PDB file of N, CA and C in Angstrom:
ATOM      1  N   UNK A   1      19.708  17.024 -16.917  1.00  0.00           N
ATOM      2  CA  UNK A   1      18.731  16.181 -17.563  1.00  0.00           C
ATOM      3  C   UNK A   1      18.851  14.778 -16.987  1.00  0.00           C
ATOM      4  N   UNK A   2      17.746  14.208 -16.582  1.00  0.00           N
ATOM      5  CA  UNK A   2      17.742  12.872 -15.991  1.00  0.00           C
ATOM      6  C   UNK A   2      17.803  11.818 -17.088  1.00  0.00           C
ATOM      7  N   UNK A   3      18.588  10.825 -16.840  1.00  0.00           N
ATOM      8  CA  UNK A   3      18.706   9.723 -17.801  1.00  0.00           C
ATOM      9  C   UNK A   3      17.847   8.561 -17.341  1.00  0.00           C
ATOM     10  N   UNK A   4      17.246   7.897 -18.272  1.00  0.00           N
ATOM     11  CA  UNK A   4      16.431   6.725 -17.951  1.00  0.00           C
ATOM     12  C   UNK A   4      17.338   5.510 -17.849  1.00  0.00           C
ATOM     13  N   UNK A   5      17.040   4.670 -16.902  1.00  0.00           N
ATOM     14  CA  UNK A   5      17.771   3.419 -16.754  1.00  0.00           C
ATOM     15  C   UNK A   5      16.857   2.303 -17.217  1.00  0.00           C
ATOM     16  N   UNK A   6      17.327   1.541 -18.159  1.00  0.00           N
ATOM     17  CA  UNK A   6      16.540   0.435 -18.686  1.00  0.00           C
ATOM     18  C   UNK A   6      17.205  -0.861 -18.254  1.00  0.00           C
ATOM     19  N   UNK A   7      16.471  -1.674 -17.545  1.00  0.00           N
ATOM     20  CA  UNK A   7      16.982  -2.968 -17.117  1.00  0.00           C
ATOM     21  C   UNK A   7      16.441  -4.045 -18.032  1.00  0.00           C
ATOM     22  N   UNK A   8      17.288  -4.927 -18.427  1.00  0.00           N
ATOM     23  CA  UNK A   8      16.834  -6.070 -19.212  1.00  0.00           C
ATOM     24  C   UNK A   8      17.161  -7.326 -18.430  1.00  0.00           C
ATOM     25  N   UNK A   9      16.345  -8.320 -18.579  1.00  0.00           N
ATOM     26  CA  UNK A   9      16.511  -9.564 -17.855  1.00  0.00           C
ATOM     27  C   UNK A   9      16.686 -10.687 -18.847  1.00  0.00           C
ATOM     28  N   UNK A  10      17.646 -11.545 -18.566  1.00  0.00           N
ATOM     29  CA  UNK A  10      17.906 -12.682 -19.435  1.00  0.00           C
ATOM     30  C   UNK A  10      16.788 -13.697 -19.361  1.00  0.00           C
ATOM     31  N   UNK A  11      16.871 -14.684 -20.213  1.00  0.00           N
ATOM     32  CA  UNK A  11      15.855 -15.738 -20.249  1.00  0.00           C
ATOM     33  C   UNK A  11      15.746 -16.385 -18.875  1.00  0.00           C
ATOM     34  N   UNK A  12      14.539 -16.504 -18.397  1.00  0.00           N
ATOM     35  CA  UNK A  12      14.293 -17.151 -17.116  1.00  0.00           C
ATOM     36  C   UNK A  12      14.359 -16.218 -15.921  1.00  0.00           C
ATOM     37  N   UNK A  13      14.908 -15.027 -16.073  1.00  0.00           N
ATOM     38  CA  UNK A  13      14.967 -14.078 -14.968  1.00  0.00           C
ATOM     39  C   UNK A  13      13.730 -13.193 -14.989  1.00  0.00           C
ATOM     40  N   UNK A  14      13.168 -12.956 -13.820  1.00  0.00           N
ATOM     41  CA  UNK A  14      11.957 -12.143 -13.714  1.00  0.00           C
ATOM     42  C   UNK A  14      12.258 -10.924 -12.847  1.00  0.00           C
ATOM     43  N   UNK A  15      11.683  -9.765 -13.189  1.00  0.00           N
ATOM     44  CA  UNK A  15      11.960  -8.562 -12.411  1.00  0.00           C
ATOM     45  C   UNK A  15      11.250  -8.529 -11.056  1.00  0.00           C
ATOM     46  N   UNK A  16      10.236  -9.343 -10.873  1.00  0.00           N
ATOM     47  CA  UNK A  16       9.469  -9.315  -9.617  1.00  0.00           C
ATOM     48  C   UNK A  16       9.199 -10.729  -9.150  1.00  0.00           C
ATOM     49  N   UNK A  17       9.267 -10.967  -7.868  1.00  0.00           N
ATOM     50  CA  UNK A  17       9.481 -10.008  -6.784  1.00  0.00           C
ATOM     51  C   UNK A  17      10.955  -9.629  -6.635  1.00  0.00           C
ATOM     52  N   UNK A  18      11.166  -8.438  -6.069  1.00  0.00           N
ATOM     53  CA  UNK A  18      12.520  -7.994  -5.724  1.00  0.00           C
ATOM     54  C   UNK A  18      12.445  -7.216  -4.417  1.00  0.00           C
ATOM     55  N   UNK A  19      13.566  -7.125  -3.740  1.00  0.00           N
ATOM     56  CA  UNK A  19      13.579  -6.524  -2.415  1.00  0.00           C
ATOM     57  C   UNK A  19      13.314  -5.016  -2.448  1.00  0.00           C
ATOM     58  N   UNK A  20      13.747  -4.335  -3.488  1.00  0.00           N
ATOM     59  CA  UNK A  20      13.539  -2.889  -3.588  1.00  0.00           C
ATOM     60  C   UNK A  20      12.049  -2.543  -3.626  1.00  0.00           C
ATOM     61  N   UNK A  21      11.298  -3.184  -4.504  1.00  0.00           N
ATOM     62  CA  UNK A  21       9.860  -2.896  -4.588  1.00  0.00           C
ATOM     63  C   UNK A  21       9.114  -3.402  -3.359  1.00  0.00           C
ATOM     64  N   UNK A  22       9.565  -4.503  -2.782  1.00  0.00           N
ATOM     65  CA  UNK A  22       8.932  -4.996  -1.548  1.00  0.00           C
ATOM     66  C   UNK A  22       9.052  -3.941  -0.453  1.00  0.00           C
ATOM     67  N   UNK A  23      10.215  -3.337  -0.324  1.00  0.00           N
ATOM     68  CA  UNK A  23      10.417  -2.281   0.682  1.00  0.00           C
ATOM     69  C   UNK A  23       9.601  -1.028   0.346  1.00  0.00           C
ATOM     70  N   UNK A  24       9.484  -0.693  -0.931  1.00  0.00           N
ATOM     71  CA  UNK A  24       8.652   0.453  -1.341  1.00  0.00           C
ATOM     72  C   UNK A  24       7.208   0.236  -0.900  1.00  0.00           C
ATOM     73  N   UNK A  25       6.712  -0.978  -1.084  1.00  0.00           N
ATOM     74  CA  UNK A  25       5.341  -1.300  -0.689  1.00  0.00           C
ATOM     75  C   UNK A  25       5.205  -1.215   0.826  1.00  0.00           C
ATOM     76  N   UNK A  26       6.162  -1.783   1.561  1.00  0.00           N
ATOM     77  CA  UNK A  26       6.116  -1.718   3.027  1.00  0.00           C
ATOM     78  C   UNK A  26       6.059  -0.273   3.516  1.00  0.00           C
ATOM     79  N   UNK A  27       6.902   0.588   2.958  1.00  0.00           N
ATOM     80  CA  UNK A  27       6.911   2.005   3.370  1.00  0.00           C
ATOM     81  C   UNK A  27       5.587   2.684   3.043  1.00  0.00           C
ATOM     82  N   UNK A  28       5.055   2.422   1.866  1.00  0.00           N
ATOM     83  CA  UNK A  28       3.803   3.064   1.448  1.00  0.00           C
ATOM     84  C   UNK A  28       2.635   2.647   2.335  1.00  0.00           C
ATOM     85  N   UNK A  29       2.628   1.411   2.800  1.00  0.00           N
ATOM     86  CA  UNK A  29       1.512   0.918   3.613  1.00  0.00           C
ATOM     87  C   UNK A  29       1.406   1.619   4.965  1.00  0.00           C
ATOM     88  N   UNK A  30       2.435   2.317   5.369  1.00  0.00           N
ATOM     89  CA  UNK A  30       2.371   3.074   6.627  1.00  0.00           C
ATOM     90  C   UNK A  30       1.360   4.214   6.540  1.00  0.00           C
ATOM     91  N   UNK A  31       0.963   4.603   5.325  1.00  0.00           N
ATOM     92  CA  UNK A  31       0.000   5.693   5.126  1.00  0.00           C
ATOM     93  C   UNK A  31      -1.429   5.182   4.971  1.00  0.00           C
ATOM     94  N   UNK A  32      -1.669   3.907   5.222  1.00  0.00           N
ATOM     95  CA  UNK A  32      -3.009   3.345   5.010  1.00  0.00           C
ATOM     96  C   UNK A  32      -4.012   3.913   6.012  1.00  0.00           C
ATOM     97  N   UNK A  33      -5.294   3.860   5.627  1.00  0.00           N
ATOM     98  CA  UNK A  33      -6.376   4.393   6.462  1.00  0.00           C
ATOM     99  C   UNK A  33      -6.939   3.342   7.423  1.00  0.00           C
ATOM    100  N   UNK A  34      -6.796   2.071   7.096  1.00  0.00           N
ATOM    101  CA  UNK A  34      -7.392   0.997   7.895  1.00  0.00           C
ATOM    102  C   UNK A  34      -6.302   0.126   8.516  1.00  0.00           C
ATOM    103  N   UNK A  35      -6.680  -0.558   9.601  1.00  0.00           N
ATOM    104  CA  UNK A  35      -5.763  -1.489  10.291  1.00  0.00           C
ATOM    105  C   UNK A  35      -4.454  -0.788  10.659  1.00  0.00           C
ATOM    106  N   UNK A  36      -4.548   0.414  11.191  1.00  0.00           N
ATOM    107  CA  UNK A  36      -3.349   1.206  11.484  1.00  0.00           C
ATOM    108  C   UNK A  36      -2.577   0.706  12.696  1.00  0.00           C
ATOM    109  N   UNK A  37      -3.192  -0.121  13.521  1.00  0.00           N
ATOM    110  CA  UNK A  37      -2.540  -0.546  14.755  1.00  0.00           C
ATOM    111  C   UNK A  37      -1.856  -1.901  14.642  1.00  0.00           C
ATOM    112  N   UNK A  38      -1.786  -2.429  13.448  1.00  0.00           N
ATOM    113  CA  UNK A  38      -1.084  -3.689  13.219  1.00  0.00           C
ATOM    114  C   UNK A  38      -0.034  -3.471  12.131  1.00  0.00           C
ATOM    115  N   UNK A  39       0.886  -4.391  12.043  1.00  0.00           N
ATOM    116  CA  UNK A  39       1.943  -4.295  11.036  1.00  0.00           C
ATOM    117  C   UNK A  39       1.713  -5.339   9.957  1.00  0.00           C
ATOM    118  N   UNK A  40       1.396  -4.907   8.741  1.00  0.00           N
ATOM    119  CA  UNK A  40       1.214  -5.875   7.654  1.00  0.00           C
ATOM    120  C   UNK A  40       2.562  -6.434   7.200  1.00  0.00           C
ATOM    121  N   UNK A  41       2.527  -7.604   6.611  1.00  0.00           N
ATOM    122  CA  UNK A  41       3.711  -8.228   6.023  1.00  0.00           C
ATOM    123  C   UNK A  41       3.586  -8.181   4.515  1.00  0.00           C
ATOM    124  N   UNK A  42       4.684  -7.887   3.837  1.00  0.00           N
ATOM    125  CA  UNK A  42       4.744  -7.924   2.379  1.00  0.00           C
ATOM    126  C   UNK A  42       5.667  -9.079   2.019  1.00  0.00           C
ATOM    127  N   UNK A  43       5.092 -10.090   1.395  1.00  0.00           N
ATOM    128  CA  UNK A  43       5.820 -11.323   1.101  1.00  0.00           C
ATOM    129  C   UNK A  43       5.981 -11.518  -0.398  1.00  0.00           C
ATOM    130  N   UNK A  44       7.086 -12.132  -0.824  1.00  0.00           N
ATOM    131  CA  UNK A  44       7.238 -12.443  -2.247  1.00  0.00           C
ATOM    132  C   UNK A  44       6.149 -13.417  -2.698  1.00  0.00           C
ATOM    133  N   UNK A  45       5.657 -13.211  -3.899  1.00  0.00           N
ATOM    134  CA  UNK A  45       4.662 -14.095  -4.515  1.00  0.00           C
ATOM    135  C   UNK A  45       5.043 -14.232  -5.987  1.00  0.00           C
ATOM    136  N   UNK A  46       4.540 -15.243  -6.677  1.00  0.00           N
ATOM    137  CA  UNK A  46       4.845 -15.349  -8.105  1.00  0.00           C
ATOM    138  C   UNK A  46       4.468 -14.056  -8.841  1.00  0.00           C
ATOM    139  N   UNK A  47       5.418 -13.462  -9.517  1.00  0.00           N
ATOM    140  CA  UNK A  47       5.227 -12.237 -10.304  1.00  0.00           C
ATOM    141  C   UNK A  47       4.918 -11.008  -9.462  1.00  0.00           C
ATOM    142  N   UNK A  48       5.092 -11.064  -8.128  1.00  0.00           N
ATOM    143  CA  UNK A  48       4.778  -9.883  -7.342  1.00  0.00           C
ATOM    144  C   UNK A  48       4.890 -10.071  -5.850  1.00  0.00           C
ATOM    145  N   UNK A  49       3.865  -9.560  -5.132  1.00  0.00           N
ATOM    146  CA  UNK A  49       3.926  -9.450  -3.685  1.00  0.00           C
ATOM    147  C   UNK A  49       2.552  -9.720  -3.074  1.00  0.00           C
ATOM    148  N   UNK A  50       2.547 -10.471  -1.982  1.00  0.00           N
ATOM    149  CA  UNK A  50       1.309 -10.750  -1.247  1.00  0.00           C
ATOM    150  C   UNK A  50       1.362  -9.978   0.062  1.00  0.00           C
ATOM    151  N   UNK A  51       0.281  -9.267   0.361  1.00  0.00           N
ATOM    152  CA  UNK A  51       0.205  -8.480   1.587  1.00  0.00           C
ATOM    153  C   UNK A  51      -0.753  -9.182   2.534  1.00  0.00           C
ATOM    154  N   UNK A  52      -0.274  -9.436   3.746  1.00  0.00           N
ATOM    155  CA  UNK A  52      -1.105 -10.059   4.770  1.00  0.00           C
ATOM    156  C   UNK A  52      -1.027  -9.225   6.037  1.00  0.00           C
ATOM    157  N   UNK A  53      -2.042  -9.382   6.893  1.00  0.00           N
ATOM    158  CA  UNK A  53      -2.097  -8.586   8.111  1.00  0.00           C
ATOM    159  C   UNK A  53      -2.959  -9.301   9.146  1.00  0.00           C
ATOM    160  N   UNK A  54      -2.691  -9.076  10.436  1.00  0.00           N
ATOM    161  CA  UNK A  54      -3.623  -9.574  11.441  1.00  0.00           C
ATOM    162  C   UNK A  54      -5.006  -8.965  11.211  1.00  0.00           C
ATOM    163  N   UNK A  55      -6.041  -9.736  11.472  1.00  0.00           N
ATOM    164  CA  UNK A  55      -7.427  -9.317  11.217  1.00  0.00           C
ATOM    165  C   UNK A  55      -7.984  -8.572  12.431  1.00  0.00           C
ATOM    166  N   UNK A  56      -7.853  -7.253  12.434  1.00  0.00           N
ATOM    167  CA  UNK A  56      -8.330  -6.431  13.556  1.00  0.00           C
ATOM    168  C   UNK A  56      -9.843  -6.463  13.714  1.00  0.00           C
ATOM    169  N   UNK A  57     -10.554  -6.418  12.605  1.00  0.00           N
ATOM    170  CA  UNK A  57     -12.016  -6.326  12.657  1.00  0.00           C
ATOM    171  C   UNK A  57     -12.657  -7.639  13.078  1.00  0.00           C
ATOM    172  N   UNK A  58     -11.925  -8.723  12.887  1.00  0.00           N
ATOM    173  CA  UNK A  58     -12.411 -10.086  13.153  1.00  0.00           C
ATOM    174  C   UNK A  58     -13.596 -10.454  12.262  1.00  0.00           C
ATOM    175  N   UNK A  59     -13.797  -9.686  11.179  1.00  0.00           N
ATOM    176  CA  UNK A  59     -14.842 -10.017  10.207  1.00  0.00           C
ATOM    177  C   UNK A  59     -14.500 -11.282   9.436  1.00  0.00           C
ATOM    178  N   UNK A  60     -13.233 -11.476   9.120  1.00  0.00           N
ATOM    179  CA  UNK A  60     -12.800 -12.631   8.340  1.00  0.00           C
ATOM    180  C   UNK A  60     -12.356 -13.754   9.254  1.00  0.00           C
ATOM    181  N   UNK A  61     -11.553 -13.429  10.249  1.00  0.00           N
ATOM    182  CA  UNK A  61     -11.055 -14.422  11.204  1.00  0.00           C
ATOM    183  C   UNK A  61     -11.459 -13.998  12.612  1.00  0.00           C
ATOM    184  N   UNK A  62     -12.439 -14.676  13.205  1.00  0.00           N
ATOM    185  CA  UNK A  62     -12.910 -14.304  14.540  1.00  0.00           C
ATOM    186  C   UNK A  62     -11.818 -14.352  15.611  1.00  0.00           C
ATOM    187  N   UNK A  63     -10.762 -15.123  15.356  1.00  0.00           N
ATOM    188  CA  UNK A  63      -9.659 -15.230  16.308  1.00  0.00           C
ATOM    189  C   UNK A  63      -8.641 -14.101  16.138  1.00  0.00           C
ATOM    190  N   UNK A  64      -8.786 -13.295  15.090  1.00  0.00           N
ATOM    191  CA  UNK A  64      -7.850 -12.205  14.846  1.00  0.00           C
ATOM    192  C   UNK A  64      -6.547 -12.651  14.211  1.00  0.00           C
ATOM    193  N   UNK A  65      -6.572 -13.808  13.564  1.00  0.00           N
ATOM    194  CA  UNK A  65      -5.367 -14.335  12.916  1.00  0.00           C
ATOM    195  C   UNK A  65      -4.976 -13.538  11.685  1.00  0.00           C
ATOM    196  N   UNK A  66      -3.899 -13.953  11.070  1.00  0.00           N
ATOM    197  CA  UNK A  66      -3.384 -13.281   9.881  1.00  0.00           C
ATOM    198  C   UNK A  66      -4.217 -13.648   8.659  1.00  0.00           C
ATOM    199  N   UNK A  67      -4.598 -12.629   7.883  1.00  0.00           N
ATOM    200  CA  UNK A  67      -5.389 -12.847   6.666  1.00  0.00           C
ATOM    201  C   UNK A  67      -4.707 -12.180   5.470  1.00  0.00           C
ATOM    202  N   UNK A  68      -5.027 -12.654   4.284  1.00  0.00           N
ATOM    203  CA  UNK A  68      -4.550 -12.020   3.059  1.00  0.00           C
ATOM    204  C   UNK A  68      -5.312 -10.721   2.836  1.00  0.00           C
ATOM    205  N   UNK A  69      -4.581  -9.664   2.488  1.00  0.00           N
ATOM    206  CA  UNK A  69      -5.174  -8.356   2.231  1.00  0.00           C
ATOM    207  C   UNK A  69      -5.219  -8.072   0.737  1.00  0.00           C
ATOM    208  N   UNK A  70      -4.078  -8.233   0.070  1.00  0.00           N
ATOM    209  CA  UNK A  70      -4.000  -7.907  -1.356  1.00  0.00           C
ATOM    210  C   UNK A  70      -2.864  -8.682  -2.008  1.00  0.00           C
ATOM    211  N   UNK A  71      -2.995  -8.830  -3.312  1.00  0.00           N
ATOM    212  CA  UNK A  71      -1.935  -9.406  -4.132  1.00  0.00           C
ATOM    213  C   UNK A  71      -1.583  -8.362  -5.183  1.00  0.00           C
ATOM    214  N   UNK A  72      -0.312  -7.982  -5.236  1.00  0.00           N
ATOM    215  CA  UNK A  72       0.181  -6.995  -6.195  1.00  0.00           C
ATOM    216  C   UNK A  72       1.091  -7.736  -7.163  1.00  0.00           C
ATOM    217  N   UNK A  73       0.754  -7.703  -8.445  1.00  0.00           N
ATOM    218  CA  UNK A  73       1.575  -8.388  -9.442  1.00  0.00           C
ATOM    219  C   UNK A  73       1.996  -7.406 -10.526  1.00  0.00           C
ATOM    220  N   UNK A  74       3.048  -7.785 -11.241  1.00  0.00           N
ATOM    221  CA  UNK A  74       3.528  -6.957 -12.342  1.00  0.00           C
ATOM    222  C   UNK A  74       3.471  -7.774 -13.617  1.00  0.00           C
ATOM    223  N   UNK A  75       2.797  -7.231 -14.622  1.00  0.00           N
ATOM    224  CA  UNK A  75       2.694  -7.884 -15.926  1.00  0.00           C
ATOM    225  C   UNK A  75       3.644  -7.149 -16.869  1.00  0.00           C
ATOM    226  N   UNK A  76       4.732  -7.806 -17.249  1.00  0.00           N
ATOM    227  CA  UNK A  76       5.796  -7.158 -18.019  1.00  0.00           C
ATOM    228  C   UNK A  76       5.384  -6.783 -19.440  1.00  0.00           C
ATOM    229  N   UNK A  77       4.490  -7.547 -20.056  1.00  0.00           N
ATOM    230  CA  UNK A  77       4.141  -7.272 -21.458  1.00  0.00           C
ATOM    231  C   UNK A  77       3.410  -5.939 -21.630  1.00  0.00           C
ATOM    232  N   UNK A  78       2.323  -5.678 -20.908  1.00  0.00           N
ATOM    233  CA  UNK A  78       1.747  -4.327 -21.026  1.00  0.00           C
ATOM    234  C   UNK A  78       2.408  -3.339 -20.059  1.00  0.00           C
ATOM    235  N   UNK A  79       3.385  -3.831 -19.260  1.00  0.00           N
ATOM    236  CA  UNK A  79       4.076  -3.008 -18.265  1.00  0.00           C
ATOM    237  C   UNK A  79       3.081  -2.379 -17.302  1.00  0.00           C
ATOM    238  N   UNK A  80       2.301  -3.229 -16.645  1.00  0.00           N
ATOM    239  CA  UNK A  80       1.273  -2.755 -15.714  1.00  0.00           C
ATOM    240  C   UNK A  80       1.365  -3.485 -14.383  1.00  0.00           C
ATOM    241  N   UNK A  81       1.068  -2.731 -13.343  1.00  0.00           N
ATOM    242  CA  UNK A  81       0.892  -3.292 -12.014  1.00  0.00           C
ATOM    243  C   UNK A  81      -0.570  -3.676 -11.875  1.00  0.00           C
ATOM    244  N   UNK A  82      -0.830  -4.826 -11.283  1.00  0.00           N
ATOM    245  CA  UNK A  82      -2.199  -5.310 -11.115  1.00  0.00           C
ATOM    246  C   UNK A  82      -2.483  -5.549  -9.632  1.00  0.00           C
ATOM    247  N   UNK A  83      -3.645  -5.104  -9.221  1.00  0.00           N
ATOM    248  CA  UNK A  83      -4.069  -5.232  -7.834  1.00  0.00           C
ATOM    249  C   UNK A  83      -5.205  -6.240  -7.756  1.00  0.00           C
ATOM    250  N   UNK A  84      -5.075  -7.191  -6.839  1.00  0.00           N
ATOM    251  CA  UNK A  84      -6.077  -8.242  -6.647  1.00  0.00           C
ATOM    252  C   UNK A  84      -6.546  -8.202  -5.195  1.00  0.00           C
ATOM    253  N   UNK A  85      -7.809  -8.488  -5.002  1.00  0.00           N
ATOM    254  CA  UNK A  85      -8.360  -8.600  -3.649  1.00  0.00           C
ATOM    255  C   UNK A  85      -8.627 -10.070  -3.361  1.00  0.00           C
ATOM    256  N   UNK A  86      -8.716 -10.412  -2.090  1.00  0.00           N
ATOM    257  CA  UNK A  86      -8.975 -11.800  -1.717  1.00  0.00           C
ATOM    258  C   UNK A  86     -10.465 -11.988  -1.472  1.00  0.00           C
ATOM    259  N   UNK A  87     -11.055 -12.980  -2.139  1.00  0.00           N
ATOM    260  CA  UNK A  87     -12.422 -13.396  -1.833  1.00  0.00           C
ATOM    261  C   UNK A  87     -12.282 -14.467  -0.760  1.00  0.00           C
ATOM    262  N   UNK A  88     -12.465 -14.068   0.481  1.00  0.00           N
ATOM    263  CA  UNK A  88     -12.223 -14.979   1.594  1.00  0.00           C
ATOM    264  C   UNK A  88     -13.240 -16.109   1.662  1.00  0.00           C
ATOM    265  N   UNK A  89     -14.406 -15.928   1.069  1.00  0.00           N
ATOM    266  CA  UNK A  89     -15.411 -16.997   1.087  1.00  0.00           C
ATOM    267  C   UNK A  89     -15.008 -18.163   0.191  1.00  0.00           C
ATOM    268  N   UNK A  90     -14.268 -17.875  -0.890  1.00  0.00           N
ATOM    269  CA  UNK A  90     -13.833 -18.945  -1.793  1.00  0.00           C
ATOM    270  C   UNK A  90     -12.333 -19.216  -1.701  1.00  0.00           C
ATOM    271  N   UNK A  91     -11.603 -18.314  -1.028  1.00  0.00           N
ATOM    272  CA  UNK A  91     -10.159 -18.480  -0.907  1.00  0.00           C
ATOM    273  C   UNK A  91      -9.401 -18.160  -2.181  1.00  0.00           C
ATOM    274  N   UNK A  92     -10.014 -17.369  -3.077  1.00  0.00           N
ATOM    275  CA  UNK A  92      -9.375 -17.063  -4.358  1.00  0.00           C
ATOM    276  C   UNK A  92      -9.052 -15.571  -4.469  1.00  0.00           C
ATOM    277  N   UNK A  93      -8.065 -15.277  -5.323  1.00  0.00           N
ATOM    278  CA  UNK A  93      -7.722 -13.891  -5.631  1.00  0.00           C
ATOM    279  C   UNK A  93      -8.581 -13.418  -6.793  1.00  0.00           C
ATOM    280  N   UNK A  94      -9.099 -12.199  -6.694  1.00  0.00           N
ATOM    281  CA  UNK A  94      -9.964 -11.612  -7.715  1.00  0.00           C
ATOM    282  C   UNK A  94      -9.300 -10.329  -8.224  1.00  0.00           C
ATOM    283  N   UNK A  95      -9.141 -10.233  -9.545  1.00  0.00           N
ATOM    284  CA  UNK A  95      -8.549  -9.028 -10.130  1.00  0.00           C
ATOM    285  C   UNK A  95      -9.404  -7.818  -9.784  1.00  0.00           C
ATOM    286  N   UNK A  96      -8.758  -6.730  -9.381  1.00  0.00           N
ATOM    287  CA  UNK A  96      -9.458  -5.502  -9.032  1.00  0.00           C
ATOM    288  C   UNK A  96      -9.189  -4.385 -10.045  1.00  0.00           C
ATOM    289  N   UNK A  97      -7.905  -4.080 -10.310  1.00  0.00           N
ATOM    290  CA  UNK A  97      -7.582  -2.959 -11.189  1.00  0.00           C
ATOM    291  C   UNK A  97      -6.123  -3.025 -11.634  1.00  0.00           C
ATOM    292  N   UNK A  98      -5.802  -2.235 -12.678  1.00  0.00           N
ATOM    293  CA  UNK A  98      -4.444  -2.198 -13.229  1.00  0.00           C
ATOM    294  C   UNK A  98      -3.946  -0.755 -13.273  1.00  0.00           C
ATOM    295  N   UNK A  99      -2.639  -0.588 -13.123  1.00  0.00           N
ATOM    296  CA  UNK A  99      -2.025   0.739 -13.048  1.00  0.00           C
ATOM    297  C   UNK A  99      -0.704   0.742 -13.798  1.00  0.00           C
ATOM    298  N   UNK A 100      -0.374   1.885 -14.380  1.00  0.00           N
ATOM    299  CA  UNK A 100       0.918   2.028 -15.042  1.00  0.00           C
ATOM    300  C   UNK A 100       2.049   2.226 -14.035  1.00  0.00           C
ATOM    301  N   UNK A 101       1.705   2.773 -12.867  1.00  0.00           N
ATOM    302  CA  UNK A 101       2.730   3.063 -11.859  1.00  0.00           C
ATOM    303  C   UNK A 101       2.338   2.484 -10.505  1.00  0.00           C
ATOM    304  N   UNK A 102       3.326   1.964  -9.798  1.00  0.00           N
ATOM    305  CA  UNK A 102       3.090   1.369  -8.484  1.00  0.00           C
ATOM    306  C   UNK A 102       2.520   2.366  -7.470  1.00  0.00           C
ATOM    307  N   UNK A 103       2.989   3.620  -7.395  1.00  0.00           N
ATOM    308  CA  UNK A 103       2.416   4.547  -6.413  1.00  0.00           C
ATOM    309  C   UNK A 103       0.904   4.756  -6.564  1.00  0.00           C
ATOM    310  N   UNK A 104       0.384   4.765  -7.768  1.00  0.00           N
ATOM    311  CA  UNK A 104      -1.062   4.926  -7.968  1.00  0.00           C
ATOM    312  C   UNK A 104      -1.815   3.736  -7.388  1.00  0.00           C
ATOM    313  N   UNK A 105      -1.291   2.549  -7.590  1.00  0.00           N
ATOM    314  CA  UNK A 105      -1.905   1.340  -7.028  1.00  0.00           C
ATOM    315  C   UNK A 105      -1.895   1.411  -5.503  1.00  0.00           C
ATOM    316  N   UNK A 106      -0.767   1.807  -4.936  1.00  0.00           N
ATOM    317  CA  UNK A 106      -0.642   1.862  -3.477  1.00  0.00           C
ATOM    318  C   UNK A 106      -1.539   2.933  -2.870  1.00  0.00           C
ATOM    319  N   UNK A 107      -1.751   4.034  -3.580  1.00  0.00           N
ATOM    320  CA  UNK A 107      -2.680   5.066  -3.095  1.00  0.00           C
ATOM    321  C   UNK A 107      -4.082   4.490  -2.942  1.00  0.00           C
ATOM    322  N   UNK A 108      -4.536   3.743  -3.937  1.00  0.00           N
ATOM    323  CA  UNK A 108      -5.872   3.147  -3.862  1.00  0.00           C
ATOM    324  C   UNK A 108      -5.941   2.112  -2.740  1.00  0.00           C
ATOM    325  N   UNK A 109      -4.911   1.291  -2.620  1.00  0.00           N
ATOM    326  CA  UNK A 109      -4.878   0.271  -1.569  1.00  0.00           C
ATOM    327  C   UNK A 109      -4.900   0.910  -0.186  1.00  0.00           C
ATOM    328  N   UNK A 110      -4.180   1.991  -0.009  1.00  0.00           N
ATOM    329  CA  UNK A 110      -4.142   2.667   1.291  1.00  0.00           C
ATOM    330  C   UNK A 110      -5.457   3.355   1.627  1.00  0.00           C
ATOM    331  N   UNK A 111      -6.148   3.879   0.636  1.00  0.00           N
ATOM    332  CA  UNK A 111      -7.430   4.558   0.867  1.00  0.00           C
ATOM    333  C   UNK A 111      -8.538   3.535   1.127  1.00  0.00           C
ATOM    334  N   UNK A 112      -8.697   2.585   0.242  1.00  0.00           N
ATOM    335  CA  UNK A 112      -9.661   1.478   0.345  1.00  0.00           C
ATOM    336  C   UNK A 112     -11.026   1.914   0.885  1.00  0.00           C
ATOM    337  N   UNK A 113     -11.638   2.876   0.206  1.00  0.00           N
ATOM    338  CA  UNK A 113     -12.931   3.408   0.662  1.00  0.00           C
ATOM    339  C   UNK A 113     -14.012   2.338   0.762  1.00  0.00           C
ATOM    340  N   UNK A 114     -14.003   1.366  -0.123  1.00  0.00           N
ATOM    341  CA  UNK A 114     -15.031   0.328  -0.112  1.00  0.00           C
ATOM    342  C   UNK A 114     -14.725  -0.864   0.781  1.00  0.00           C
ATOM    343  N   UNK A 115     -13.608  -0.811   1.480  1.00  0.00           N
ATOM    344  CA  UNK A 115     -13.177  -1.896   2.376  1.00  0.00           C
ATOM    345  C   UNK A 115     -13.144  -3.252   1.668  1.00  0.00           C
ATOM    346  N   UNK A 116     -12.626  -3.275   0.469  1.00  0.00           N
ATOM    347  CA  UNK A 116     -12.515  -4.551  -0.244  1.00  0.00           C
ATOM    348  C   UNK A 116     -11.176  -5.227   0.028  1.00  0.00           C
ATOM    349  N   UNK A 117     -10.196  -4.479   0.545  1.00  0.00           N
ATOM    350  CA  UNK A 117      -8.893  -5.052   0.868  1.00  0.00           C
ATOM    351  C   UNK A 117      -8.734  -5.213   2.374  1.00  0.00           C
ATOM    352  N   UNK A 118      -8.786  -4.094   3.082  1.00  0.00           N
ATOM    353  CA  UNK A 118      -8.632  -4.105   4.538  1.00  0.00           C
ATOM    354  C   UNK A 118     -10.002  -4.377   5.155  1.00  0.00           C
ATOM    355  N   UNK A 119     -10.346  -5.638   5.238  1.00  0.00           N
ATOM    356  CA  UNK A 119     -11.668  -6.035   5.726  1.00  0.00           C
ATOM    357  C   UNK A 119     -11.636  -6.284   7.209  1.00  0.00           C
TER     358      UNK A 119
END
């Protein structure tokens, strides 16, 4: 029988970002459908992780520079992972969807049928 491990954090300590989940995200992104010939970066961000990648399509950056792809955050109160897309015209993050588990969020990010993340 598997035992559950419950982690508690003292006042002022936050569970995210952490290196374990950052590596989980990096590994999962290898299965993405778009921008397969570049290596995205997963960087720590407040309450989560920011994913950036060189712009292969040159739709956002004509020079092919690095652009923001997604922001993944964790909200401890409802215990949900939240996925945000970048509105490059305004430079702001826009909430996209929420998930109980990180793998479900990463599946949607990797598929990205509507090209709202990997632009």
